[in-house]
Protein backbone atom coordinates (compact mmCIF):
# COMPACT_ATOMS: atom_id res chain seq x y z
CA MET A 1 -0.03 0.12 -0.05
CA ALA A 2 1.67 3.36 -0.93
CA ASN A 3 2.31 6.10 1.57
CA THR A 4 -1.15 8.52 1.55
CA SER A 5 1.45 11.06 2.77
CA LEU A 6 3.01 11.25 -1.18
CA PRO A 7 1.65 13.41 -3.82
CA VAL A 8 0.07 11.14 -6.77
CA SER A 9 1.46 10.87 -10.49
CA LEU A 10 -1.35 9.30 -12.27
CA LEU A 11 0.94 8.17 -15.22
CA LEU A 12 -0.61 8.11 -18.69
CA ASP A 13 2.79 9.24 -20.21
CA LEU A 14 5.74 7.01 -19.37
CA ALA A 15 8.28 9.49 -20.98
CA HIS A 16 7.09 12.80 -19.20
CA PRO A 17 9.85 15.06 -18.35
CA GLY A 18 8.02 15.77 -15.16
CA ARG A 19 8.28 12.41 -13.16
CA ARG A 20 9.34 12.75 -9.64
CA SER A 21 10.73 10.36 -7.27
CA GLY A 22 9.19 11.78 -4.44
CA ASP A 23 5.73 11.12 -5.67
CA TRP A 24 3.76 7.64 -5.51
CA GLU A 25 3.37 6.78 -8.88
CA VAL A 26 0.32 4.75 -10.24
CA ARG A 27 -0.44 3.51 -13.76
CA PRO A 28 -3.94 2.96 -14.91
CA GLY A 29 -3.74 -0.56 -14.83
CA THR A 30 -2.58 -0.60 -11.59
CA LEU A 31 -5.03 1.96 -10.24
CA ARG A 32 -7.79 -0.39 -11.69
CA GLY A 33 -6.59 -3.07 -9.81
CA LEU A 34 -6.67 -1.41 -6.76
CA VAL A 35 -10.40 -0.75 -7.42
CA ARG A 36 -11.43 -4.28 -8.28
CA SER A 37 -9.82 -5.48 -5.21
CA GLY A 38 -11.20 -2.67 -3.07
CA LYS A 39 -7.98 -1.70 -1.87
CA ILE A 40 -8.39 2.16 -3.25
CA GLY A 41 -10.73 3.31 -0.06
CA PRO A 42 -7.50 4.43 2.06
CA HIS A 43 -6.30 6.58 -1.22
CA VAL A 44 -9.77 8.38 -1.86
CA LEU A 45 -9.01 12.33 -0.90
CA ARG A 46 -6.47 11.39 1.54
CA HIS A 47 -2.89 12.18 -0.66
CA PRO A 48 -1.68 16.05 -0.29
CA SER A 49 -2.30 16.35 -4.28
CA ALA A 50 -2.74 14.57 -7.44
CA ARG A 51 -1.37 15.67 -11.10
CA LEU A 52 -2.22 13.51 -14.30
CA LEU A 53 0.82 13.63 -16.74
CA VAL A 54 0.20 13.43 -20.12
CA GLU A 55 1.71 14.16 -23.30
CA ASP A 56 -0.39 17.22 -24.74
CA LEU A 57 -3.27 18.93 -23.20
CA ALA A 58 -4.70 19.22 -26.55
CA ASP A 59 -5.73 15.60 -26.20
CA PRO A 60 -8.40 15.05 -23.83
CA PRO A 61 -7.14 12.23 -21.19
CA PRO A 62 -9.92 9.74 -20.92
CA ILE A 63 -12.45 10.64 -18.24
CA SER A 64 -11.88 7.80 -16.08
CA ALA A 65 -8.35 9.31 -16.01
CA VAL A 66 -9.75 12.61 -14.86
CA LEU A 67 -11.90 11.25 -12.47
CA ALA A 68 -9.32 9.03 -10.58
CA THR A 69 -6.98 12.13 -10.27
CA ARG A 70 -9.61 14.39 -8.59
CA LEU A 71 -10.98 11.68 -6.35
CA LEU A 72 -7.43 10.74 -5.14
CA THR A 73 -6.68 14.15 -3.35
CA ALA A 74 -8.82 16.76 -1.70
CA GLY A 75 -6.12 19.23 -2.13
CA PRO A 76 -5.06 20.73 -5.26
CA ALA A 77 -5.37 18.37 -8.85
CA TRP A 78 -4.22 19.26 -12.23
CA ILE A 79 -3.47 17.69 -15.68
CA GLU A 80 0.10 18.55 -16.52
CA ASP A 81 1.93 18.16 -20.06
CA ARG A 82 5.54 17.88 -20.77
CA THR A 83 5.93 21.37 -21.81
CA GLY A 84 4.70 21.76 -18.08
CA THR A 85 1.54 23.63 -19.24
CA THR A 86 -1.16 22.94 -16.43
CA LEU A 87 -4.91 22.37 -16.41
CA ALA A 88 -6.46 22.75 -12.57
CA LEU A 89 -8.82 20.02 -12.36
CA ASN A 90 -11.42 22.23 -10.43
CA THR A 91 -15.12 21.67 -10.19
CA ARG A 92 -15.81 23.67 -13.59
CA CYS A 93 -12.81 21.98 -15.42
CA VAL A 94 -14.20 18.71 -14.56
CA ALA A 95 -17.60 19.49 -14.98
CA ASP A 96 -16.63 20.51 -18.71
CA GLN A 97 -14.84 17.48 -19.14
CA VAL A 98 -17.53 14.99 -17.92
CA LEU A 99 -20.15 16.97 -20.45
CA ALA A 100 -17.59 16.65 -23.69
CA TRP A 101 -17.36 12.79 -22.23
CA LEU A 102 -21.30 12.15 -22.51
CA ARG A 103 -21.22 14.03 -26.05
CA ASP A 104 -18.52 11.46 -27.17
CA SER A 105 -20.33 8.67 -25.79
CA TRP A 106 -23.64 9.35 -27.45
CA SER A 107 -21.43 9.70 -31.13
CA ALA A 108 -19.31 6.41 -30.56
CA SER A 109 -22.71 4.62 -31.95
CA GLN A 110 -22.17 6.51 -35.30
CA VAL A 111 -18.13 5.89 -35.23
CA LEU A 112 -19.25 1.74 -35.11
CA ARG A 113 -22.23 1.81 -37.94
CA ALA A 114 -19.88 3.90 -40.16
CA ALA A 115 -16.83 1.60 -39.38
CA HIS A 116 -19.02 -1.48 -40.10
CA ASP A 117 -20.26 0.16 -43.19
CA ALA A 118 -17.02 0.73 -44.53
CA VAL A 119 -15.83 -2.66 -43.52
CA ARG A 120 -19.05 -4.21 -45.37
CA ALA A 121 -18.17 -2.04 -48.85
CA LEU A 122 -13.99 -2.98 -48.45
CA GLN A 123 -15.09 -6.79 -48.42
CA GLN A 124 -16.90 -6.34 -51.74
CA THR A 125 -14.52 -4.56 -53.57
CA ALA A 126 -11.00 -4.96 -51.95
CA LEU A 127 -10.96 -8.84 -52.10
CA SER A 128 -11.27 -9.49 -55.84
CA PRO A 129 -8.07 -11.45 -56.84
CA ARG A 130 -5.58 -8.88 -59.06
CA PRO A 131 -2.41 -9.18 -60.37
CA PRO A 132 0.37 -6.78 -58.15
CA PRO A 133 0.00 -3.44 -60.04
CA ALA A 134 3.13 -2.27 -61.53
CA TRP A 135 5.41 -0.45 -59.21
CA LYS A 136 7.11 3.15 -60.62
CA GLU A 137 10.53 3.03 -58.38
CA ALA A 138 10.83 6.46 -59.44
CA SER A 139 7.65 7.37 -57.59
CA GLY A 140 9.09 5.87 -54.41
CA VAL A 141 7.42 4.87 -51.53
CA LEU A 142 4.03 5.69 -49.43
CA PHE A 143 4.68 4.41 -45.96
CA LEU A 144 1.81 4.41 -43.69
CA ARG A 145 2.31 4.20 -39.94
CA THR A 146 -1.16 4.40 -38.47
CA GLN A 147 -1.05 3.14 -34.86
CA LEU A 148 -2.35 5.38 -32.68
CA CYS A 149 0.69 6.34 -30.32
CA HIS A 150 1.77 9.34 -28.25
CA GLY A 151 5.50 10.11 -27.46
CA VAL A 152 6.75 6.98 -27.91
CA VAL A 153 10.27 7.48 -27.60
CA ALA A 154 12.10 4.57 -27.80
CA GLY A 155 11.66 0.74 -28.33
CA GLY A 156 11.61 -2.23 -30.62
CA SER A 157 9.17 -0.56 -32.93
CA ILE A 158 10.84 2.65 -33.36
CA ALA A 159 14.20 0.93 -34.06
CA HIS A 160 12.30 -1.09 -36.86
CA LEU A 161 10.54 2.03 -38.17
CA ALA A 162 13.89 4.27 -38.51
CA GLY A 163 15.98 0.86 -39.91
CA VAL A 164 13.00 -0.06 -42.66
CA LEU A 165 12.00 3.83 -43.65
CA ASN A 166 15.82 4.66 -44.01
CA GLU A 167 17.13 2.13 -45.91
CA PHE A 168 14.01 2.40 -48.40
CA GLN A 169 15.33 6.30 -48.62
CA ASP A 170 18.89 5.30 -49.28
CA ARG A 171 18.06 2.83 -52.05
CA LEU A 172 14.97 4.21 -53.74
CA GLY A 173 14.64 7.90 -52.48
CA GLY A 174 11.45 9.56 -52.38
CA VAL A 175 9.72 8.10 -49.20
CA ASP A 176 6.80 9.84 -47.87
CA LEU A 177 5.66 8.65 -44.52
CA LEU A 178 2.13 9.30 -43.20
CA THR A 179 2.49 8.40 -39.04
CA THR A 180 0.45 9.60 -36.15
CA ASP A 181 3.35 10.48 -34.23
CA PRO A 182 7.23 11.60 -34.81
CA ILE A 183 9.55 8.78 -35.34
CA ALA A 184 13.34 9.39 -33.74
CA LEU A 185 16.30 8.72 -35.82
CA LEU A 186 14.75 9.04 -39.22
CA ASP A 187 16.85 10.16 -42.40
CA PRO A 188 15.92 14.00 -43.19
CA ALA A 189 15.43 13.55 -46.70
CA ILE A 190 12.28 11.45 -45.51
CA ARG A 191 9.15 13.75 -45.78
CA VAL A 192 7.02 13.21 -43.05
CA GLU A 193 3.41 14.50 -42.54
CA ILE A 194 1.54 13.81 -38.97
CA ILE A 195 -1.62 13.31 -38.62
CA ARG A 196 -2.80 13.52 -35.23
CA PRO A 197 -6.71 12.15 -34.48
CA GLU A 198 -9.80 13.61 -33.86
CA ARG A 199 -10.31 15.71 -30.13
CA ARG A 200 -12.36 13.02 -28.56
CA THR A 201 -12.95 11.47 -24.97
CA TRP A 202 -13.61 7.66 -25.45
CA ALA A 203 -11.50 5.64 -22.88
CA ASN A 204 -11.98 2.85 -25.55
CA ALA A 205 -8.79 2.91 -27.91
CA GLU A 206 -11.07 0.84 -30.45
CA LEU A 207 -13.09 3.82 -30.81
CA HIS A 208 -10.14 6.41 -31.94
CA GLN A 209 -8.87 3.93 -33.97
CA LEU A 210 -11.58 3.32 -35.95
CA ASN A 211 -12.59 6.87 -36.40
CA HIS A 212 -8.82 7.81 -37.28
CA ASN A 213 -9.44 6.45 -40.59
CA ALA A 214 -11.15 8.86 -42.28
CA ARG A 215 -8.29 11.37 -41.72
CA LEU A 216 -5.48 8.95 -42.79
CA ILE A 217 -7.43 8.13 -45.72
CA SER A 218 -7.70 11.60 -46.98
CA ALA A 219 -4.24 12.48 -46.03
CA ALA A 220 -2.92 9.32 -47.54
CA ALA A 221 -5.18 9.71 -50.89
CA ALA A 222 -3.66 13.11 -51.38
CA MET A 223 0.10 12.10 -50.74
CA ALA A 224 -0.32 9.10 -53.28
CA ALA A 225 -1.84 11.27 -55.93
CA SER A 226 1.38 13.53 -55.72
CA LYS A 227 3.33 9.96 -56.21
CA PRO A 228 2.04 7.99 -59.42
CA GLY A 229 2.76 4.08 -58.95
CA CYS A 230 4.65 4.68 -55.96
CA LEU A 231 4.45 1.36 -53.52
CA VAL A 232 2.15 1.22 -50.33
CA TYR A 233 3.82 -0.05 -47.51
CA GLN A 234 1.59 -0.22 -44.30
CA ARG A 235 2.68 -1.68 -40.67
CA TYR A 236 -0.57 -3.15 -39.97
CA SER A 237 -2.07 -1.42 -36.71
CA LEU A 238 -5.44 -2.69 -35.06
CA ASN A 239 -8.45 -1.48 -37.00
CA ASN A 240 -6.85 0.20 -39.97
CA TRP A 241 -8.02 -0.09 -43.26
CA THR A 242 -5.78 2.76 -44.97
CA GLY A 243 -3.18 1.02 -46.85
CA VAL A 244 -5.80 -1.39 -48.74
CA LEU A 245 -8.36 0.97 -49.31
CA ILE A 246 -5.89 3.50 -50.82
CA ALA A 247 -3.99 0.74 -52.99
CA ARG A 248 -7.42 -0.61 -54.45
CA ARG A 249 -8.93 2.80 -55.42
CA LEU A 250 -5.71 4.13 -56.94
CA GLY A 251 -4.23 0.73 -58.32
CA LEU A 252 -0.87 0.90 -56.31
CA ARG A 253 1.19 -2.13 -55.47
CA PHE A 254 0.36 -2.86 -51.57
CA VAL A 255 2.71 -4.62 -49.10
CA LEU A 256 1.72 -4.88 -45.60
CA GLU A 257 3.84 -5.34 -42.81
CA PHE A 258 2.21 -7.86 -40.09
CA ASN A 259 3.57 -8.27 -36.55
CA GLY A 260 1.33 -10.30 -35.31
CA PRO A 261 -2.64 -10.91 -34.99
CA GLU A 262 -3.95 -7.81 -32.97
CA PRO A 263 -6.75 -9.53 -31.06
CA TRP A 264 -4.61 -12.39 -29.95
CA MET A 265 -1.89 -9.87 -28.50
CA ALA A 266 -4.71 -7.45 -26.96
CA ASP A 267 -6.64 -10.71 -25.19
CA ARG A 268 -3.03 -12.27 -23.86
CA TRP A 269 -0.80 -9.25 -23.17
CA SER A 270 -3.40 -6.07 -22.52
CA ARG A 271 -6.90 -5.91 -22.53
CA PRO A 272 -8.96 -8.07 -24.22
CA LEU A 273 -10.84 -6.12 -27.25
CA ARG A 274 -14.87 -4.90 -26.84
CA TYR A 275 -15.29 -5.33 -30.80
CA VAL A 276 -13.35 -8.42 -31.47
CA GLY A 277 -15.19 -9.43 -34.29
CA LEU A 278 -14.96 -5.76 -36.32
CA ALA A 279 -11.04 -5.96 -35.57
CA GLU A 280 -10.67 -9.34 -36.93
CA ARG A 281 -12.67 -8.93 -40.08
CA ILE A 282 -10.48 -5.89 -40.63
CA GLU A 283 -7.06 -7.61 -39.93
CA GLN A 284 -8.41 -10.51 -42.29
CA ILE A 285 -9.23 -8.16 -45.11
CA ASN A 286 -5.75 -6.54 -44.97
CA LEU A 287 -4.18 -9.66 -45.14
CA GLU A 288 -6.33 -11.02 -48.00
CA ALA A 289 -5.87 -7.98 -49.97
CA ALA A 290 -2.43 -7.43 -50.20
CA ASP A 291 -0.06 -8.34 -52.62
CA LEU A 292 2.58 -9.36 -50.22
CA VAL A 293 2.87 -9.59 -46.34
CA THR A 294 6.05 -9.62 -44.74
CA VAL A 295 6.29 -11.01 -41.52
CA VAL A 296 8.99 -11.54 -38.83
CA SER A 297 9.34 -14.97 -38.30
CA GLU A 298 8.29 -18.47 -39.26
CA PRO A 299 5.65 -18.76 -36.69
CA LEU A 300 3.89 -15.73 -37.81
CA ARG A 301 4.07 -17.17 -41.75
CA ALA A 302 2.44 -20.74 -40.13
CA HIS A 303 -0.19 -18.43 -38.43
CA LEU A 304 -1.12 -16.35 -41.91
CA LEU A 305 -1.06 -19.94 -43.79
CA ALA A 306 -3.60 -21.35 -41.36
CA ARG A 307 -5.55 -18.20 -42.09
CA GLY A 308 -6.11 -18.73 -45.81
CA ILE A 309 -3.29 -16.83 -47.10
CA ARG A 310 -1.35 -18.07 -49.98
CA ASP A 311 2.27 -18.68 -49.13
CA ASP A 312 3.99 -17.24 -52.34
CA ARG A 313 2.67 -14.01 -50.89
CA ILE A 314 3.88 -14.40 -47.73
CA MET A 315 7.53 -13.37 -46.85
CA VAL A 316 9.57 -13.58 -43.93
CA SER A 317 11.78 -10.71 -42.90
CA PRO A 318 12.89 -10.51 -39.37
CA ASN A 319 14.13 -7.66 -37.66
CA GLY A 320 17.76 -5.96 -38.21
CA VAL A 321 20.14 -3.83 -36.45
CA ASP A 322 21.97 -0.30 -37.56
CA LEU A 323 25.57 -1.44 -37.42
CA ALA A 324 26.87 2.13 -37.14
CA ARG A 325 24.91 2.77 -34.20
CA TYR A 326 25.31 -0.73 -32.25
CA ALA A 327 28.97 -1.38 -32.07
CA PRO A 328 31.28 -2.68 -30.06
CA ASP A 329 33.32 0.94 -29.68
CA VAL A 330 30.53 2.73 -28.35
CA ASP A 331 31.51 5.67 -25.89
CA SER A 332 29.63 4.44 -22.42
CA GLY A 333 31.70 6.51 -19.90
CA ALA A 334 28.95 9.03 -19.19
CA VAL A 335 26.45 6.39 -18.46
CA ARG A 336 28.57 4.30 -16.39
CA SER A 337 29.88 7.40 -14.36
CA ARG A 338 25.78 8.76 -14.12
CA HIS A 339 25.09 5.64 -12.76
CA GLY A 340 27.90 4.27 -10.16
CA LEU A 341 28.53 1.24 -12.49
CA GLU A 342 32.64 2.02 -12.73
CA GLY A 343 34.38 -0.94 -11.92
CA ARG A 344 31.58 -3.19 -11.87
CA CYS A 345 30.46 -6.15 -14.07
CA VAL A 346 27.18 -4.89 -15.55
CA ILE A 347 24.53 -7.07 -16.57
CA GLY A 348 21.81 -5.80 -19.21
CA PHE A 349 18.44 -5.51 -20.25
CA ILE A 350 16.70 -2.98 -22.24
CA GLY A 351 13.08 -3.22 -23.30
CA THR A 352 9.33 -2.15 -22.92
CA PHE A 353 9.01 -4.70 -20.06
CA GLY A 354 5.73 -6.48 -21.83
CA PRO A 355 4.72 -9.85 -20.67
CA TRP A 356 7.06 -11.72 -23.21
CA HIS A 357 10.10 -9.89 -22.17
CA GLY A 358 11.01 -12.25 -19.23
CA ALA A 359 12.37 -9.20 -16.96
CA GLU A 360 11.14 -11.08 -13.83
CA ILE A 361 12.79 -14.13 -14.65
CA LEU A 362 16.02 -12.00 -15.04
CA ALA A 363 14.91 -10.14 -11.54
CA GLU A 364 15.23 -14.02 -9.97
CA ALA A 365 18.06 -14.67 -11.58
CA LEU A 366 19.85 -11.92 -9.94
CA ALA A 367 18.61 -13.21 -6.78
CA LEU A 368 19.56 -16.69 -6.84
CA LEU A 369 22.97 -16.02 -8.27
CA LEU A 370 23.79 -13.51 -5.27
CA LYS A 371 22.18 -16.02 -2.86
CA ARG A 372 24.49 -18.66 -4.18
CA ARG A 373 27.38 -16.30 -4.44
CA PRO A 374 27.34 -13.47 -1.72
CA ASP A 375 31.05 -12.67 -3.19
CA LEU A 376 29.72 -11.28 -6.18
CA ARG A 377 27.24 -8.45 -4.33
CA GLU A 378 29.75 -5.26 -4.85
CA ARG A 379 31.30 -6.52 -8.22
CA ILE A 380 27.96 -6.77 -10.51
CA ARG A 381 25.00 -4.60 -11.02
CA LEU A 382 21.88 -5.39 -12.85
CA LEU A 383 21.33 -2.33 -15.43
CA LEU A 384 17.19 -2.15 -16.51
CA ILE A 385 17.13 0.06 -19.42
CA GLY A 386 13.69 1.39 -20.16
CA ASP A 387 10.11 1.15 -18.46
CA GLY A 388 6.64 -0.49 -19.50
CA MET A 389 4.32 -2.34 -18.05
CA ARG A 390 6.25 -5.11 -16.15
CA LEU A 391 8.59 -2.86 -14.36
CA PRO A 392 6.71 -2.59 -11.19
CA ALA A 393 6.67 -6.39 -10.87
CA VAL A 394 10.31 -6.58 -11.27
CA LYS A 395 10.83 -4.17 -8.28
CA GLU A 396 8.49 -5.62 -6.26
CA LEU A 397 10.10 -9.14 -6.92
CA LEU A 398 13.72 -7.44 -6.35
CA GLN A 399 12.39 -5.41 -3.04
CA LYS A 400 11.16 -8.79 -1.54
CA ARG A 401 14.39 -10.64 -2.58
CA ASP A 402 16.72 -7.57 -0.98
CA ARG A 403 17.98 -7.33 -3.97
CA LEU A 404 17.34 -3.55 -4.92
CA GLY A 405 20.29 -2.43 -4.08
CA GLU A 406 22.17 -4.37 -6.57
CA ALA A 407 19.89 -2.92 -9.65
CA VAL A 408 19.98 0.36 -11.56
CA PHE A 409 16.87 1.61 -13.09
CA THR A 410 17.48 3.89 -15.73
CA GLY A 411 13.56 4.70 -16.55
CA LEU A 412 12.64 5.49 -20.19
CA VAL A 413 16.02 5.99 -22.66
CA PRO A 414 15.49 7.82 -25.98
CA GLN A 415 16.29 5.95 -28.96
CA HIS A 416 19.43 7.91 -29.90
CA GLN A 417 20.91 7.13 -26.55
CA GLY A 418 19.87 3.09 -26.38
CA ASN A 419 23.48 2.08 -27.75
CA ARG A 420 25.06 4.45 -25.24
CA TYR A 421 23.47 2.23 -22.15
CA LEU A 422 23.89 -0.99 -24.03
CA ALA A 423 27.54 -0.35 -24.26
CA ALA A 424 27.74 0.24 -20.61
CA CYS A 425 27.22 -3.46 -20.06
CA ASP A 426 29.66 -6.45 -20.27
CA ILE A 427 26.57 -8.94 -20.27
CA LEU A 428 23.02 -8.86 -22.14
CA ALA A 429 20.35 -10.57 -21.19
CA LEU A 430 17.31 -11.85 -23.28
CA PRO A 431 15.06 -13.71 -21.22
CA THR A 432 11.95 -14.39 -23.14
CA VAL A 433 9.43 -16.17 -21.91
CA PRO A 434 7.09 -18.84 -23.93
CA ASN A 435 3.35 -17.49 -24.91
CA PRO A 436 0.86 -18.13 -22.01
CA ASP A 437 -1.46 -20.23 -23.98
CA GLY A 438 1.53 -22.42 -25.54
CA SER A 439 1.78 -21.15 -28.94
CA PRO A 440 4.65 -20.47 -30.65
CA PHE A 441 6.88 -17.41 -29.32
CA PHE A 442 6.21 -15.32 -32.85
CA GLY A 443 8.33 -12.18 -32.10
CA SER A 444 11.36 -10.96 -33.72
CA PRO A 445 13.16 -9.01 -30.89
CA THR A 446 15.20 -5.96 -32.25
CA LYS A 447 17.00 -6.07 -29.10
CA LEU A 448 18.68 -9.45 -30.08
CA PHE A 449 20.28 -8.01 -33.15
CA GLU A 450 21.28 -4.98 -31.31
CA TYR A 451 22.71 -7.30 -28.68
CA MET A 452 24.66 -9.00 -31.28
CA ALA A 453 25.90 -5.74 -32.66
CA MET A 454 27.14 -4.87 -29.70
CA GLY A 455 30.16 -7.44 -29.48
CA ARG A 456 29.11 -8.44 -25.85
CA GLY A 457 28.53 -11.76 -24.13
CA ILE A 458 24.88 -12.49 -24.58
CA ALA A 459 22.88 -15.01 -22.42
CA ALA A 460 19.73 -15.86 -23.96
CA SER A 461 16.45 -17.98 -23.50
CA ALA A 462 16.42 -20.95 -26.47
CA ILE A 463 12.87 -19.91 -27.95
CA GLY A 464 11.74 -18.44 -31.30
CA GLN A 465 14.06 -16.58 -33.36
CA ALA A 466 16.89 -16.38 -30.46
CA LEU A 467 17.17 -19.99 -31.08
CA GLU A 468 17.20 -20.03 -34.74
CA VAL A 469 19.88 -16.97 -35.02
CA LEU A 470 21.87 -17.68 -31.95
CA GLN A 471 24.05 -20.67 -31.37
CA ASP A 472 25.04 -21.96 -27.92
CA ASP A 473 28.51 -21.74 -26.75
CA ARG A 474 29.46 -20.10 -30.00
CA THR A 475 27.61 -16.83 -30.39
CA ALA A 476 25.74 -17.35 -26.76
CA LEU A 477 24.85 -18.99 -23.73
CA LEU A 478 21.35 -20.10 -24.36
CA VAL A 479 19.33 -21.29 -21.55
CA PRO A 480 15.68 -23.07 -21.11
CA PRO A 481 12.88 -20.16 -21.14
CA ALA A 482 11.53 -19.41 -17.93
CA ASP A 483 14.21 -21.08 -16.09
CA ALA A 484 15.50 -18.81 -13.55
CA GLY A 485 18.15 -21.00 -12.27
CA LYS A 486 19.59 -21.63 -15.69
CA LEU A 487 19.91 -18.32 -16.29
CA ALA A 488 21.69 -17.74 -13.23
CA GLN A 489 24.22 -20.26 -14.00
CA ALA A 490 24.78 -18.73 -17.70
CA LEU A 491 25.21 -15.31 -16.04
CA GLU A 492 27.69 -16.97 -13.59
CA ARG A 493 29.85 -18.39 -16.64
CA LEU A 494 29.96 -14.83 -18.19
CA ILE A 495 30.98 -13.24 -15.39
CA ASP A 496 33.60 -15.18 -14.24
CA ASN A 497 34.86 -15.75 -17.72
CA PRO A 498 35.79 -12.11 -19.66
CA SER A 499 37.30 -14.29 -22.28
CA LEU A 500 34.07 -16.05 -22.68
CA ARG A 501 32.12 -12.97 -23.25
CA ALA A 502 34.90 -11.57 -25.68
CA ARG A 503 35.08 -14.83 -27.48
CA LEU A 504 31.15 -15.05 -27.79
CA GLY A 505 30.43 -11.45 -28.29
CA GLY A 506 33.14 -11.31 -31.25
CA ALA A 507 31.25 -14.13 -33.10
CA ALA A 508 27.93 -12.12 -32.79
CA ARG A 509 29.10 -9.40 -34.15
CA ALA A 510 30.32 -11.15 -37.26
CA GLN A 511 27.19 -12.99 -37.48
CA ALA A 512 25.62 -9.43 -37.16
CA GLU A 513 27.33 -8.22 -40.00
CA LEU A 514 27.61 -10.86 -42.15
CA ARG A 515 23.14 -11.45 -42.12
CA HIS A 516 21.59 -8.91 -39.74
CA SER A 517 21.95 -5.11 -40.66
CA TRP A 518 18.90 -3.45 -41.66
CA GLY A 519 20.59 -2.79 -45.47
CA ALA A 520 20.99 -6.35 -46.21
CA GLN A 521 17.09 -6.97 -44.37
CA VAL A 522 15.73 -4.32 -46.87
CA SER A 523 17.97 -5.38 -50.26
CA ARG A 524 15.96 -9.01 -49.59
CA LEU A 525 12.54 -7.07 -49.07
CA LEU A 526 12.87 -5.22 -51.93
CA ASP A 527 14.16 -7.96 -54.13
CA ARG A 528 10.97 -9.94 -53.46
CA ILE A 529 9.00 -6.82 -54.34
CA ARG A 530 9.87 -6.05 -57.69
CA THR A 531 9.62 -9.78 -58.35
CA LEU A 532 5.76 -10.00 -57.45
CA ARG A 533 3.83 -11.85 -60.11
């Protein structure tokens, strides 16, 4: 139970620069858990102040977050964005937000009705067989990043987007990007248009996604009209049909990048969808209408075959790495100094702390290792780079094992700084865990290839693409997934044997140079797109 004498910061924006170490930081999911368990009572009107941290005041936060912020304190409460601009949650402000929510709630049925009508029309027009239209390479690429996201400054998706976009620009030129949010590390020659969603107060993200199709389609149509014969390339996102509609309407070649079944991921890894049937129909239309579907792993290819997608329209294209940015000689002095890591053997993990990342297994492995080898307590540190859903559980586990003192938490690190944090590590851990329902792990972790490129000793779960890419005792030490004891043993070997770390890291770097650069991946992808029949 949090100390009710602390100010509250309700986090809707993990990258908010105004986060304070002295606050009780609570996330919406944690707050919902307190409500469901009946443990919220002692917090109501008990904290001295409360603030709701958002990216931009121009985007209305969910009414549930507004009311929760107001109910946690009898003192001052406010919304605060990244610029430090605030909006006091006084009686009038809360009343205005409630009225806006009521108006938007009434319009939700109209949004759903329009979405169903659009999907029915797509099923009639977009699923007819056709040969892939001609692609005029001189017209370049219209790249669609349609996922609704705000202020995402780091993570595997950013690495993937920057890697693919920059290589398209380098090889073809003429890349136009339509996105809902800026993307870090892009080639400045790429033309970017940001299309923000309409201001609505819906708490359900699916309504925002469905409603945003109209704006995206209008912008994409204008961009495509200026690039006759271009390639339409879309990173598929939940409830979106922009790419398929524009490609069919204008007779353009359409490539869909598919990173996993969205309804399945929502059900297992976040919150089940309310309009799951509609989402499944939209996803299937995209898959069937695309001239080529790229996936990052063999399990995803098998998944698409089971859904009736022809094998000759599927390409497996794993993630890659920027070999110049991620390299063994990156300077890490400032990071080591800032976090008190000088003279330590540092075990590193970077990520968004998703349920599949297995960061809790890594924390448990550290506890087991130090219980068996107390002599290592001053010699080693666990550097946890990033933030996300499972980080509170990791901290709680380390606290219960009395190991918080041997762990360093960096918080969210911008994408352009991630390589320096990895360079501060002597050992890099990839403790991926299996899917909870027993289905094959289908991800392609960008950290896998970044770790390899850094030339450090790697300890990784023998699962999915890591098992395909890494060789035990040649480029990494592989351990059974979700086995903290075996992971602890692998870490111990790497800690005690610097020459082993050097041998494994050198071999991993060589393999990354040979096969896993973004340049190599995009070159193979373009060869396949050019030969579509």
